Amino acid sequence: MRTLFLSLVCAAAFLAAQPADAAPLSRIVAVVNGDMITSRELEKICAPEFYGQKIDPAKDPAKADAVRKAVLQQMINEKILLQEAQKQDISISDEEVDHAMEQVVKDSNVSRDTFLKQLATEGITEKMFRDRLRSQIVSQRLMSRNVISRVVVTEEEVNDYYRKNMAGFAAGRARVAMIVYPVEADAEKWAADIKRGKVSFADAARAVSVGPNPSGGGDMGFVALSDMAPALLEQVSHMKKGEVSPLLRLPANFAQVALLDVEEGGGDVSEAVPDAETARRIEQILRRPRIEERFKQYSEQLRARSLIEIRE
C-alpha cells in the first residue's frame, strides 16, 4: 500500500484534535483501551490512500473496504503506541514540530506553498500533517527508549559485513544519476515507463527532474563511496552497473537513482576494516532490520495487553 505507514505513522494525534462534537455525528468503528475511533476519522485518514491508489470508493467498494480495514488496523496500532507514550510521559513541544515541518519542506525541494498545495490535493491539511509529525516524533522517542536502545551491532559484525559486501566497492567510486520527481509529477508512471523502456532514465531526468543536473540526464559524475549519504550508499551497494533503482520515498515526493559506472578498489580485503564513517553507515544498515523486528515484537506485546473492540 503506497506510503501507508508514512501516511498513518501516528494518526491518533489527529484523532485527538477533532472537535468535541465530532464523535456523536459519526459511527464508532473501534474502541482501543476506552478510546474511540469513529467512521469520520477513519474516512479522513483513508482519503489520501484512496487518492494515492487512484481508488474511487463509489466505483470500487471492494478495494475501498480493503483499504479501510488495513487503515483501521494501523490506526489501532498507532493509538496503542500513543497511549503507551503518554503513560511514559513522552511529549514534544510546538517548537519541535515547527522545526520538523521546516525540515520536511526543505527536503522536498519545493516551496512551502507548493508543498502545502500538494498535501491539499491528497486531502491533507497543514494541521493534519503537523499532527502526524508530532505523533511521529513521539513514536520515535518511544522507540528510542524501548526498541532502538536494545538493538546491538558488534564491531566484528560491522567488519564482517564490510569485508563481504563493501571493502572493494567502498574504496572506489560510483557514477550515479538521479531523478528527483516534483511533487506534482506522476512518479509511478515515469518509473514504469523507464522500466518498460518507453523512456530512458536520462530523458526522464531531462523532462521532469528537479534534482541535480537534469539537463545532463541527472548525471552526478563519479562520487567517492566514502562521501555518499548512508541511504544512497546502501541503495547503490546492492545495484549492478546499468541498473535503475525502484522509487525511493522522500518526505514529500519520490526519487530514483541509476548506477552508471563503478570503479572498485583493489587488493586483499580479508583483514580490511572500515573507516569510522563507513563503520557508522554499516551499523545503520545492520541495525535497521533488527530494529524493525524488535519494533514488531514490541508492538505485538503492547497490542496483546490492550482491550480492542472492532465494530462492523
C-alpha atoms as a PDB file:
ATOM      1  CA  MET A   1       0.000   0.000   0.000  1.00  0.00           C
ATOM      2  CA  ARG A   2       1.586   3.261  -1.111  1.00  0.00           C
ATOM      3  CA  THR A   3       3.190   5.095   1.783  1.00  0.00           C
ATOM      4  CA  LEU A   4       0.626   3.620   4.178  1.00  0.00           C
ATOM      5  CA  PHE A   5       2.941   3.576   7.176  1.00  0.00           C
ATOM      6  CA  LEU A   6       4.234   7.104   6.482  1.00  0.00           C
ATOM      7  CA  SER A   7       0.701   8.454   5.960  1.00  0.00           C
ATOM      8  CA  LEU A   8      -0.561   6.877   9.204  1.00  0.00           C
ATOM      9  CA  VAL A   9       2.610   6.864  11.274  1.00  0.00           C
ATOM     10  CA  CYS A  10       0.722   8.341  14.223  1.00  0.00           C
ATOM     11  CA  ALA A  11      -2.781   9.192  13.094  1.00  0.00           C
ATOM     12  CA  ALA A  12      -4.088   9.087  16.649  1.00  0.00           C
ATOM     13  CA  ALA A  13      -2.803  12.621  17.254  1.00  0.00           C
ATOM     14  CA  PHE A  14      -5.129  13.744  14.505  1.00  0.00           C
ATOM     15  CA  LEU A  15      -7.987  11.908  16.147  1.00  0.00           C
ATOM     16  CA  ALA A  16      -7.427  13.708  19.395  1.00  0.00           C
ATOM     17  CA  ALA A  17      -7.568  17.050  17.588  1.00  0.00           C
ATOM     18  CA  GLN A  18     -11.134  16.622  16.336  1.00  0.00           C
ATOM     19  CA  PRO A  19     -13.921  18.887  17.615  1.00  0.00           C
ATOM     20  CA  ALA A  20     -15.712  17.649  20.704  1.00  0.00           C
ATOM     21  CA  ASP A  21     -18.948  17.191  18.796  1.00  0.00           C
ATOM     22  CA  ALA A  22     -17.394  15.049  16.044  1.00  0.00           C
ATOM     23  CA  ALA A  23     -17.878  11.630  17.655  1.00  0.00           C
ATOM     24  CA  PRO A  24     -21.682  11.765  18.169  1.00  0.00           C
ATOM     25  CA  LEU A  25     -22.153  12.593  14.483  1.00  0.00           C
ATOM     26  CA  SER A  26     -20.128   9.593  13.380  1.00  0.00           C
ATOM     27  CA  ARG A  27     -20.394   5.848  13.910  1.00  0.00           C
ATOM     28  CA  ILE A  28     -17.855   4.242  16.249  1.00  0.00           C
ATOM     29  CA  VAL A  29     -15.766   1.688  14.338  1.00  0.00           C
ATOM     30  CA  ALA A  30     -13.332   0.692  17.077  1.00  0.00           C
ATOM     31  CA  VAL A  31     -12.606   1.209  20.760  1.00  0.00           C
ATOM     32  CA  VAL A  32      -8.987   0.921  21.946  1.00  0.00           C
ATOM     33  CA  ASN A  33      -8.444   0.826  25.697  1.00  0.00           C
ATOM     34  CA  GLY A  34     -11.519   3.025  26.072  1.00  0.00           C
ATOM     35  CA  ASP A  35     -10.564   5.490  23.288  1.00  0.00           C
ATOM     36  CA  MET A  36     -12.899   5.625  20.292  1.00  0.00           C
ATOM     37  CA  ILE A  37     -12.125   5.650  16.574  1.00  0.00           C
ATOM     38  CA  THR A  38     -15.056   6.915  14.509  1.00  0.00           C
ATOM     39  CA  SER A  39     -16.005   6.308  10.907  1.00  0.00           C
ATOM     40  CA  ARG A  40     -15.464  10.013  10.186  1.00  0.00           C
ATOM     41  CA  GLU A  41     -11.910   9.824  11.478  1.00  0.00           C
ATOM     42  CA  LEU A  42     -11.307   6.632   9.514  1.00  0.00           C
ATOM     43  CA  GLU A  43     -12.560   8.173   6.261  1.00  0.00           C
ATOM     44  CA  LYS A  44     -10.366  11.249   6.694  1.00  0.00           C
ATOM     45  CA  ILE A  45      -7.289   9.084   7.133  1.00  0.00           C
ATOM     46  CA  CYS A  46      -8.332   6.855   4.205  1.00  0.00           C
ATOM     47  CA  ALA A  47      -8.800   9.785   1.817  1.00  0.00           C
ATOM     48  CA  PRO A  48      -5.067  10.171   0.990  1.00  0.00           C
ATOM     49  CA  GLU A  49      -4.816   6.423   0.441  1.00  0.00           C
ATOM     50  CA  PHE A  50      -7.754   6.447  -1.955  1.00  0.00           C
ATOM     51  CA  TYR A  51      -6.088   9.341  -3.776  1.00  0.00           C
ATOM     52  CA  GLY A  52      -2.675   7.683  -3.917  1.00  0.00           C
ATOM     53  CA  GLN A  53      -4.044   4.346  -5.131  1.00  0.00           C
ATOM     54  CA  LYS A  54      -6.499   6.017  -7.507  1.00  0.00           C
ATOM     55  CA  ILE A  55      -9.466   4.282  -5.880  1.00  0.00           C
ATOM     56  CA  ASP A  56     -12.975   5.634  -6.266  1.00  0.00           C
ATOM     57  CA  PRO A  57     -14.907   4.149  -3.307  1.00  0.00           C
ATOM     58  CA  ALA A  58     -18.211   4.548  -5.163  1.00  0.00           C
ATOM     59  CA  LYS A  59     -16.950   2.624  -8.205  1.00  0.00           C
ATOM     60  CA  ASP A  60     -14.789   0.046  -6.445  1.00  0.00           C
ATOM     61  CA  PRO A  61     -16.228  -0.567  -2.958  1.00  0.00           C
ATOM     62  CA  ALA A  62     -14.350  -3.857  -2.508  1.00  0.00           C
ATOM     63  CA  LYS A  63     -10.938  -2.205  -2.862  1.00  0.00           C
ATOM     64  CA  ALA A  64     -12.073   0.711  -0.725  1.00  0.00           C
ATOM     65  CA  ASP A  65     -13.179  -1.658   2.041  1.00  0.00           C
ATOM     66  CA  ALA A  66      -9.831  -3.456   1.905  1.00  0.00           C
ATOM     67  CA  VAL A  67      -8.057  -0.120   2.350  1.00  0.00           C
ATOM     68  CA  ARG A  68     -10.353   0.819   5.244  1.00  0.00           C
ATOM     69  CA  LYS A  69      -9.635  -2.459   7.047  1.00  0.00           C
ATOM     70  CA  ALA A  70      -5.874  -2.045   6.658  1.00  0.00           C
ATOM     71  CA  VAL A  71      -6.002   1.611   7.685  1.00  0.00           C
ATOM     72  CA  LEU A  72      -8.142   0.832  10.724  1.00  0.00           C
ATOM     73  CA  GLN A  73      -5.653  -1.762  11.937  1.00  0.00           C
ATOM     74  CA  GLN A  74      -2.831   0.751  11.539  1.00  0.00           C
ATOM     75  CA  MET A  75      -4.851   3.406  13.380  1.00  0.00           C
ATOM     76  CA  ILE A  76      -5.414   0.956  16.228  1.00  0.00           C
ATOM     77  CA  ASN A  77      -1.695   0.147  16.415  1.00  0.00           C
ATOM     78  CA  GLU A  78      -0.724   3.814  16.368  1.00  0.00           C
ATOM     79  CA  LYS A  79      -3.298   4.701  19.032  1.00  0.00           C
ATOM     80  CA  ILE A  80      -1.839   1.968  21.253  1.00  0.00           C
ATOM     81  CA  LEU A  81       1.652   3.421  20.750  1.00  0.00           C
ATOM     82  CA  LEU A  82       0.494   6.926  21.619  1.00  0.00           C
ATOM     83  CA  GLN A  83      -1.294   5.669  24.703  1.00  0.00           C
ATOM     84  CA  GLU A  84       1.902   3.948  25.814  1.00  0.00           C
ATOM     85  CA  ALA A  85       3.930   7.102  25.135  1.00  0.00           C
ATOM     86  CA  GLN A  86       1.514   9.061  27.295  1.00  0.00           C
ATOM     87  CA  LYS A  87       1.955   6.534  30.091  1.00  0.00           C
ATOM     88  CA  GLN A  88       5.713   7.065  29.842  1.00  0.00           C
ATOM     89  CA  ASP A  89       5.321  10.875  29.886  1.00  0.00           C
ATOM     90  CA  ILE A  90       6.721  11.317  26.370  1.00  0.00           C
ATOM     91  CA  SER A  91       5.699  14.562  24.698  1.00  0.00           C
ATOM     92  CA  ILE A  92       7.139  17.222  22.366  1.00  0.00           C
ATOM     93  CA  SER A  93       6.861  20.985  22.102  1.00  0.00           C
ATOM     94  CA  ASP A  94       5.302  23.079  19.340  1.00  0.00           C
ATOM     95  CA  GLU A  95       8.791  24.386  18.529  1.00  0.00           C
ATOM     96  CA  GLU A  96       9.994  20.856  17.810  1.00  0.00           C
ATOM     97  CA  VAL A  97       7.061  20.315  15.455  1.00  0.00           C
ATOM     98  CA  ASP A  98       7.865  23.642  13.744  1.00  0.00           C
ATOM     99  CA  HIS A  99      11.458  22.534  13.212  1.00  0.00           C
ATOM    100  CA  ALA A 100      10.387  19.145  11.852  1.00  0.00           C
ATOM    101  CA  MET A 101       7.946  20.813   9.474  1.00  0.00           C
ATOM    102  CA  GLU A 102      10.629  23.162   8.184  1.00  0.00           C
ATOM    103  CA  GLN A 103      12.990  20.251   7.609  1.00  0.00           C
ATOM    104  CA  VAL A 104      10.389  18.237   5.679  1.00  0.00           C
ATOM    105  CA  VAL A 105       9.626  21.203   3.420  1.00  0.00           C
ATOM    106  CA  LYS A 106      13.348  21.817   2.879  1.00  0.00           C
ATOM    107  CA  ASP A 107      13.961  18.162   1.986  1.00  0.00           C
ATOM    108  CA  SER A 108      11.087  18.220  -0.520  1.00  0.00           C
ATOM    109  CA  ASN A 109      12.990  20.731  -2.718  1.00  0.00           C
ATOM    110  CA  VAL A 110       9.853  22.807  -3.255  1.00  0.00           C
ATOM    111  CA  SER A 111       8.480  25.980  -1.719  1.00  0.00           C
ATOM    112  CA  ARG A 112       6.296  25.825   1.363  1.00  0.00           C
ATOM    113  CA  ASP A 113       3.260  26.953  -0.663  1.00  0.00           C
ATOM    114  CA  THR A 114       3.829  24.226  -3.281  1.00  0.00           C
ATOM    115  CA  PHE A 115       4.303  21.643  -0.550  1.00  0.00           C
ATOM    116  CA  LEU A 116       1.043  22.585   1.157  1.00  0.00           C
ATOM    117  CA  LYS A 117      -0.827  22.627  -2.152  1.00  0.00           C
ATOM    118  CA  GLN A 118       0.365  19.093  -2.880  1.00  0.00           C
ATOM    119  CA  LEU A 119      -0.817  17.965   0.546  1.00  0.00           C
ATOM    120  CA  ALA A 120      -4.195  19.565  -0.144  1.00  0.00           C
ATOM    121  CA  THR A 121      -4.579  17.620  -3.398  1.00  0.00           C
ATOM    122  CA  GLU A 122      -4.221  14.442  -1.318  1.00  0.00           C
ATOM    123  CA  GLY A 123      -6.819  15.597   1.199  1.00  0.00           C
ATOM    124  CA  ILE A 124      -4.293  16.515   3.902  1.00  0.00           C
ATOM    125  CA  THR A 125      -4.484  19.878   5.671  1.00  0.00           C
ATOM    126  CA  GLU A 126      -1.458  21.564   7.224  1.00  0.00           C
ATOM    127  CA  LYS A 127      -2.877  20.873  10.682  1.00  0.00           C
ATOM    128  CA  MET A 128      -3.316  17.179   9.875  1.00  0.00           C
ATOM    129  CA  PHE A 129       0.276  16.984   8.644  1.00  0.00           C
ATOM    130  CA  ARG A 130       1.624  18.780  11.710  1.00  0.00           C
ATOM    131  CA  ASP A 131      -0.340  16.443  13.973  1.00  0.00           C
ATOM    132  CA  ARG A 132       1.159  13.474  12.176  1.00  0.00           C
ATOM    133  CA  LEU A 133       4.647  14.913  12.558  1.00  0.00           C
ATOM    134  CA  ARG A 134       4.043  15.388  16.269  1.00  0.00           C
ATOM    135  CA  SER A 135       2.847  11.797  16.578  1.00  0.00           C
ATOM    136  CA  GLN A 136       5.784  10.532  14.529  1.00  0.00           C
ATOM    137  CA  ILE A 137       8.293  12.234  16.809  1.00  0.00           C
ATOM    138  CA  VAL A 138       6.520  10.900  19.904  1.00  0.00           C
ATOM    139  CA  SER A 139       6.611   7.394  18.450  1.00  0.00           C
ATOM    140  CA  GLN A 140      10.294   7.751  17.573  1.00  0.00           C
ATOM    141  CA  ARG A 141      11.069   8.687  21.160  1.00  0.00           C
ATOM    142  CA  LEU A 142       9.065   5.736  22.394  1.00  0.00           C
ATOM    143  CA  MET A 143      11.005   3.504  20.017  1.00  0.00           C
ATOM    144  CA  SER A 144      14.311   5.008  21.091  1.00  0.00           C
ATOM    145  CA  ARG A 145      13.551   4.265  24.721  1.00  0.00           C
ATOM    146  CA  ASN A 146      12.106   0.772  24.322  1.00  0.00           C
ATOM    147  CA  VAL A 147      13.386  -0.574  20.994  1.00  0.00           C
ATOM    148  CA  ILE A 148      16.434   1.113  19.480  1.00  0.00           C
ATOM    149  CA  SER A 149      18.437   1.205  22.699  1.00  0.00           C
ATOM    150  CA  ARG A 150      18.091  -2.567  22.978  1.00  0.00           C
ATOM    151  CA  VAL A 151      19.421  -3.386  19.496  1.00  0.00           C
ATOM    152  CA  VAL A 152      23.164  -4.079  19.436  1.00  0.00           C
ATOM    153  CA  VAL A 153      25.526  -4.443  16.470  1.00  0.00           C
ATOM    154  CA  THR A 154      29.053  -5.608  17.311  1.00  0.00           C
ATOM    155  CA  GLU A 155      32.286  -4.342  15.805  1.00  0.00           C
ATOM    156  CA  GLU A 156      33.005  -7.803  14.400  1.00  0.00           C
ATOM    157  CA  GLU A 157      29.647  -7.845  12.624  1.00  0.00           C
ATOM    158  CA  VAL A 158      30.438  -4.475  11.076  1.00  0.00           C
ATOM    159  CA  ASN A 159      33.876  -5.636   9.912  1.00  0.00           C
ATOM    160  CA  ASP A 160      32.492  -8.878   8.511  1.00  0.00           C
ATOM    161  CA  TYR A 161      29.797  -7.037   6.534  1.00  0.00           C
ATOM    162  CA  TYR A 162      32.404  -4.618   5.202  1.00  0.00           C
ATOM    163  CA  ARG A 163      34.721  -7.370   4.001  1.00  0.00           C
ATOM    164  CA  LYS A 164      31.955  -9.376   2.350  1.00  0.00           C
ATOM    165  CA  ASN A 165      29.993  -6.576   0.754  1.00  0.00           C
ATOM    166  CA  MET A 166      31.805  -3.277   0.586  1.00  0.00           C
ATOM    167  CA  ALA A 167      35.581  -3.439   1.027  1.00  0.00           C
ATOM    168  CA  GLY A 168      36.482  -3.202  -2.641  1.00  0.00           C
ATOM    169  CA  PHE A 169      33.372  -1.270  -3.535  1.00  0.00           C
ATOM    170  CA  ALA A 170      33.549   1.324  -0.764  1.00  0.00           C
ATOM    171  CA  ALA A 171      37.200   2.011  -1.508  1.00  0.00           C
ATOM    172  CA  GLY A 172      36.261   3.049  -5.032  1.00  0.00           C
ATOM    173  CA  ARG A 173      33.886   5.416  -6.747  1.00  0.00           C
ATOM    174  CA  ALA A 174      30.495   5.190  -8.396  1.00  0.00           C
ATOM    175  CA  ARG A 175      28.993   7.267 -11.154  1.00  0.00           C
ATOM    176  CA  VAL A 176      25.385   7.847 -10.239  1.00  0.00           C
ATOM    177  CA  ALA A 177      22.484   9.614 -11.919  1.00  0.00           C
ATOM    178  CA  MET A 178      19.431  10.790 -10.018  1.00  0.00           C
ATOM    179  CA  ILE A 179      15.876  11.851 -10.744  1.00  0.00           C
ATOM    180  CA  VAL A 180      14.026  13.814  -8.085  1.00  0.00           C
ATOM    181  CA  TYR A 181      10.387  13.923  -9.104  1.00  0.00           C
ATOM    182  CA  PRO A 182       8.462  17.134  -8.390  1.00  0.00           C
ATOM    183  CA  VAL A 183       5.526  16.678  -6.065  1.00  0.00           C
ATOM    184  CA  GLU A 184       3.020  17.195  -8.859  1.00  0.00           C
ATOM    185  CA  ALA A 185       4.572  14.551 -11.148  1.00  0.00           C
ATOM    186  CA  ASP A 186       3.151  11.045 -11.564  1.00  0.00           C
ATOM    187  CA  ALA A 187       6.344   9.373 -10.360  1.00  0.00           C
ATOM    188  CA  GLU A 188       4.888   5.872 -10.576  1.00  0.00           C
ATOM    189  CA  LYS A 189       4.081   6.320 -14.273  1.00  0.00           C
ATOM    190  CA  TRP A 190       7.529   7.718 -15.045  1.00  0.00           C
ATOM    191  CA  ALA A 191       9.171   4.827 -13.186  1.00  0.00           C
ATOM    192  CA  ALA A 192       7.012   2.289 -15.048  1.00  0.00           C
ATOM    193  CA  ASP A 193       7.871   3.891 -18.401  1.00  0.00           C
ATOM    194  CA  ILE A 194      11.589   3.763 -17.556  1.00  0.00           C
ATOM    195  CA  LYS A 195      11.317   0.105 -16.551  1.00  0.00           C
ATOM    196  CA  ARG A 196       9.481  -0.793 -19.776  1.00  0.00           C
ATOM    197  CA  GLY A 197      11.991   1.116 -21.889  1.00  0.00           C
ATOM    198  CA  LYS A 198       9.438   3.641 -23.141  1.00  0.00           C
ATOM    199  CA  VAL A 199      11.761   6.411 -21.994  1.00  0.00           C
ATOM    200  CA  SER A 200      15.396   6.365 -20.939  1.00  0.00           C
ATOM    201  CA  PHE A 201      16.451   7.359 -17.456  1.00  0.00           C
ATOM    202  CA  ALA A 202      18.397  10.303 -18.843  1.00  0.00           C
ATOM    203  CA  ASP A 203      15.494  11.552 -20.963  1.00  0.00           C
ATOM    204  CA  ALA A 204      13.144  11.266 -17.999  1.00  0.00           C
ATOM    205  CA  ALA A 205      15.577  13.287 -15.880  1.00  0.00           C
ATOM    206  CA  ARG A 206      15.768  15.968 -18.547  1.00  0.00           C
ATOM    207  CA  ALA A 207      11.993  16.082 -18.836  1.00  0.00           C
ATOM    208  CA  VAL A 208      10.891  16.093 -15.216  1.00  0.00           C
ATOM    209  CA  SER A 209      13.652  16.057 -12.581  1.00  0.00           C
ATOM    210  CA  VAL A 210      14.097  18.851 -10.047  1.00  0.00           C
ATOM    211  CA  GLY A 211      17.252  17.158  -8.763  1.00  0.00           C
ATOM    212  CA  PRO A 212      20.930  17.532  -9.684  1.00  0.00           C
ATOM    213  CA  ASN A 213      21.977  18.187 -13.312  1.00  0.00           C
ATOM    214  CA  PRO A 214      18.638  17.492 -15.019  1.00  0.00           C
ATOM    215  CA  SER A 215      19.938  18.833 -18.361  1.00  0.00           C
ATOM    216  CA  GLY A 216      22.674  16.203 -18.183  1.00  0.00           C
ATOM    217  CA  GLY A 217      20.253  13.364 -17.508  1.00  0.00           C
ATOM    218  CA  GLY A 218      20.729  13.598 -13.742  1.00  0.00           C
ATOM    219  CA  ASP A 219      24.366  12.510 -14.056  1.00  0.00           C
ATOM    220  CA  MET A 220      26.211  13.393 -10.831  1.00  0.00           C
ATOM    221  CA  GLY A 221      29.546  12.151 -12.140  1.00  0.00           C
ATOM    222  CA  PHE A 222      31.868   9.905 -10.165  1.00  0.00           C
ATOM    223  CA  VAL A 223      31.426  10.162  -6.403  1.00  0.00           C
ATOM    224  CA  ALA A 224      33.644   8.513  -3.808  1.00  0.00           C
ATOM    225  CA  LEU A 225      31.613   5.879  -1.990  1.00  0.00           C
ATOM    226  CA  SER A 226      33.023   7.164   1.278  1.00  0.00           C
ATOM    227  CA  ASP A 227      31.343  10.525   0.592  1.00  0.00           C
ATOM    228  CA  MET A 228      27.878   9.151  -0.150  1.00  0.00           C
ATOM    229  CA  ALA A 229      24.925   9.596   2.187  1.00  0.00           C
ATOM    230  CA  PRO A 230      24.149   6.337   4.047  1.00  0.00           C
ATOM    231  CA  ALA A 231      20.783   5.780   2.348  1.00  0.00           C
ATOM    232  CA  LEU A 232      22.263   6.308  -1.133  1.00  0.00           C
ATOM    233  CA  LEU A 233      25.290   4.135  -0.374  1.00  0.00           C
ATOM    234  CA  GLU A 234      23.063   1.319   0.854  1.00  0.00           C
ATOM    235  CA  GLN A 235      20.926   1.501  -2.288  1.00  0.00           C
ATOM    236  CA  VAL A 236      23.851   1.702  -4.713  1.00  0.00           C
ATOM    237  CA  SER A 237      25.831  -1.049  -2.964  1.00  0.00           C
ATOM    238  CA  HIS A 238      23.123  -3.562  -3.959  1.00  0.00           C
ATOM    239  CA  MET A 239      22.928  -2.435  -7.592  1.00  0.00           C
ATOM    240  CA  LYS A 240      24.787  -3.573 -10.675  1.00  0.00           C
ATOM    241  CA  LYS A 241      26.159  -1.290 -13.368  1.00  0.00           C
ATOM    242  CA  GLY A 242      23.311  -0.103 -15.592  1.00  0.00           C
ATOM    243  CA  GLU A 243      20.541  -0.807 -13.066  1.00  0.00           C
ATOM    244  CA  VAL A 244      17.872   1.671 -12.042  1.00  0.00           C
ATOM    245  CA  SER A 245      16.501   1.688  -8.511  1.00  0.00           C
ATOM    246  CA  PRO A 246      12.806   1.437  -7.668  1.00  0.00           C
ATOM    247  CA  LEU A 247      11.088   4.594  -6.483  1.00  0.00           C
ATOM    248  CA  LEU A 248      12.684   5.910  -3.314  1.00  0.00           C
ATOM    249  CA  ARG A 249      10.375   7.741  -0.935  1.00  0.00           C
ATOM    250  CA  LEU A 250      11.389  11.256   0.111  1.00  0.00           C
ATOM    251  CA  PRO A 251       9.408  13.253   2.700  1.00  0.00           C
ATOM    252  CA  ALA A 252       7.021  14.731   0.113  1.00  0.00           C
ATOM    253  CA  ASN A 253       7.949  13.206  -3.235  1.00  0.00           C
ATOM    254  CA  PHE A 254       9.927  10.411  -4.915  1.00  0.00           C
ATOM    255  CA  ALA A 255      13.375   9.865  -6.411  1.00  0.00           C
ATOM    256  CA  GLN A 256      15.219   7.239  -8.439  1.00  0.00           C
ATOM    257  CA  VAL A 257      18.903   6.562  -8.983  1.00  0.00           C
ATOM    258  CA  ALA A 258      20.771   4.817 -11.777  1.00  0.00           C
ATOM    259  CA  LEU A 259      24.204   3.249 -11.341  1.00  0.00           C
ATOM    260  CA  LEU A 260      26.069   4.276 -14.495  1.00  0.00           C
ATOM    261  CA  ASP A 261      29.557   3.000 -13.660  1.00  0.00           C
ATOM    262  CA  VAL A 262      31.683   1.663 -10.801  1.00  0.00           C
ATOM    263  CA  GLU A 263      35.402   1.855 -10.056  1.00  0.00           C
ATOM    264  CA  GLU A 264      36.186  -0.573  -7.274  1.00  0.00           C
ATOM    265  CA  GLY A 265      39.306  -0.515  -5.132  1.00  0.00           C
ATOM    266  CA  GLY A 266      41.657  -3.469  -5.341  1.00  0.00           C
ATOM    267  CA  GLY A 267      43.859  -5.544  -3.057  1.00  0.00           C
ATOM    268  CA  ASP A 268      43.390  -8.136  -0.332  1.00  0.00           C
ATOM    269  CA  VAL A 269      40.352  -7.288   1.793  1.00  0.00           C
ATOM    270  CA  SER A 270      40.445 -10.241   4.212  1.00  0.00           C
ATOM    271  CA  GLU A 271      41.782  -8.042   7.014  1.00  0.00           C
ATOM    272  CA  ALA A 272      40.266  -4.768   5.852  1.00  0.00           C
ATOM    273  CA  VAL A 273      38.341  -2.638   8.317  1.00  0.00           C
ATOM    274  CA  PRO A 274      36.096   0.321   7.512  1.00  0.00           C
ATOM    275  CA  ASP A 275      36.898   3.874   8.476  1.00  0.00           C
ATOM    276  CA  ALA A 276      34.791   5.398  11.240  1.00  0.00           C
ATOM    277  CA  GLU A 277      32.213   6.955   8.928  1.00  0.00           C
ATOM    278  CA  THR A 278      31.783   3.802   6.829  1.00  0.00           C
ATOM    279  CA  ALA A 279      31.508   1.722  10.002  1.00  0.00           C
ATOM    280  CA  ARG A 280      28.740   4.021  11.206  1.00  0.00           C
ATOM    281  CA  ARG A 281      26.894   3.585   7.925  1.00  0.00           C
ATOM    282  CA  ILE A 282      27.238  -0.209   8.027  1.00  0.00           C
ATOM    283  CA  GLU A 283      25.966  -0.220  11.595  1.00  0.00           C
ATOM    284  CA  GLN A 284      22.871   1.633  10.380  1.00  0.00           C
ATOM    285  CA  ILE A 285      22.367  -0.932   7.625  1.00  0.00           C
ATOM    286  CA  LEU A 286      22.642  -3.852  10.069  1.00  0.00           C
ATOM    287  CA  ARG A 287      20.542  -2.196  12.763  1.00  0.00           C
ATOM    288  CA  ARG A 288      17.570  -1.356  10.542  1.00  0.00           C
ATOM    289  CA  PRO A 289      16.089  -4.873  10.082  1.00  0.00           C
ATOM    290  CA  ARG A 290      16.775  -5.691  13.731  1.00  0.00           C
ATOM    291  CA  ILE A 291      15.012  -2.533  14.838  1.00  0.00           C
ATOM    292  CA  GLU A 292      12.072  -3.371  12.579  1.00  0.00           C
ATOM    293  CA  GLU A 293      11.832  -6.869  14.061  1.00  0.00           C
ATOM    294  CA  ARG A 294      12.173  -5.578  17.614  1.00  0.00           C
ATOM    295  CA  PHE A 295       9.564  -2.894  16.913  1.00  0.00           C
ATOM    296  CA  LYS A 296       7.189  -5.529  15.561  1.00  0.00           C
ATOM    297  CA  GLN A 297       7.625  -7.630  18.698  1.00  0.00           C
ATOM    298  CA  TYR A 298       7.200  -4.605  20.958  1.00  0.00           C
ATOM    299  CA  SER A 299       4.041  -3.513  19.130  1.00  0.00           C
ATOM    300  CA  GLU A 300       2.596  -7.025  19.331  1.00  0.00           C
ATOM    301  CA  GLN A 301       3.273  -7.122  23.076  1.00  0.00           C
ATOM    302  CA  LEU A 302       1.508  -3.797  23.590  1.00  0.00           C
ATOM    303  CA  ARG A 303      -1.413  -4.914  21.440  1.00  0.00           C
ATOM    304  CA  ALA A 304      -1.728  -8.207  23.319  1.00  0.00           C
ATOM    305  CA  ARG A 305      -2.146  -6.251  26.546  1.00  0.00           C
ATOM    306  CA  SER A 306      -4.747  -3.907  25.056  1.00  0.00           C
ATOM    307  CA  LEU A 307      -8.522  -4.102  25.057  1.00  0.00           C
ATOM    308  CA  ILE A 308      -9.646  -3.726  21.444  1.00  0.00           C
ATOM    309  CA  GLU A 309     -13.197  -3.822  20.137  1.00  0.00           C
ATOM    310  CA  ILE A 310     -13.794  -3.544  16.386  1.00  0.00           C
ATOM    311  CA  ARG A 311     -17.369  -2.788  15.405  1.00  0.00           C
ATOM    312  CA  GLU A 312     -18.600  -3.763  11.952  1.00  0.00           C
END
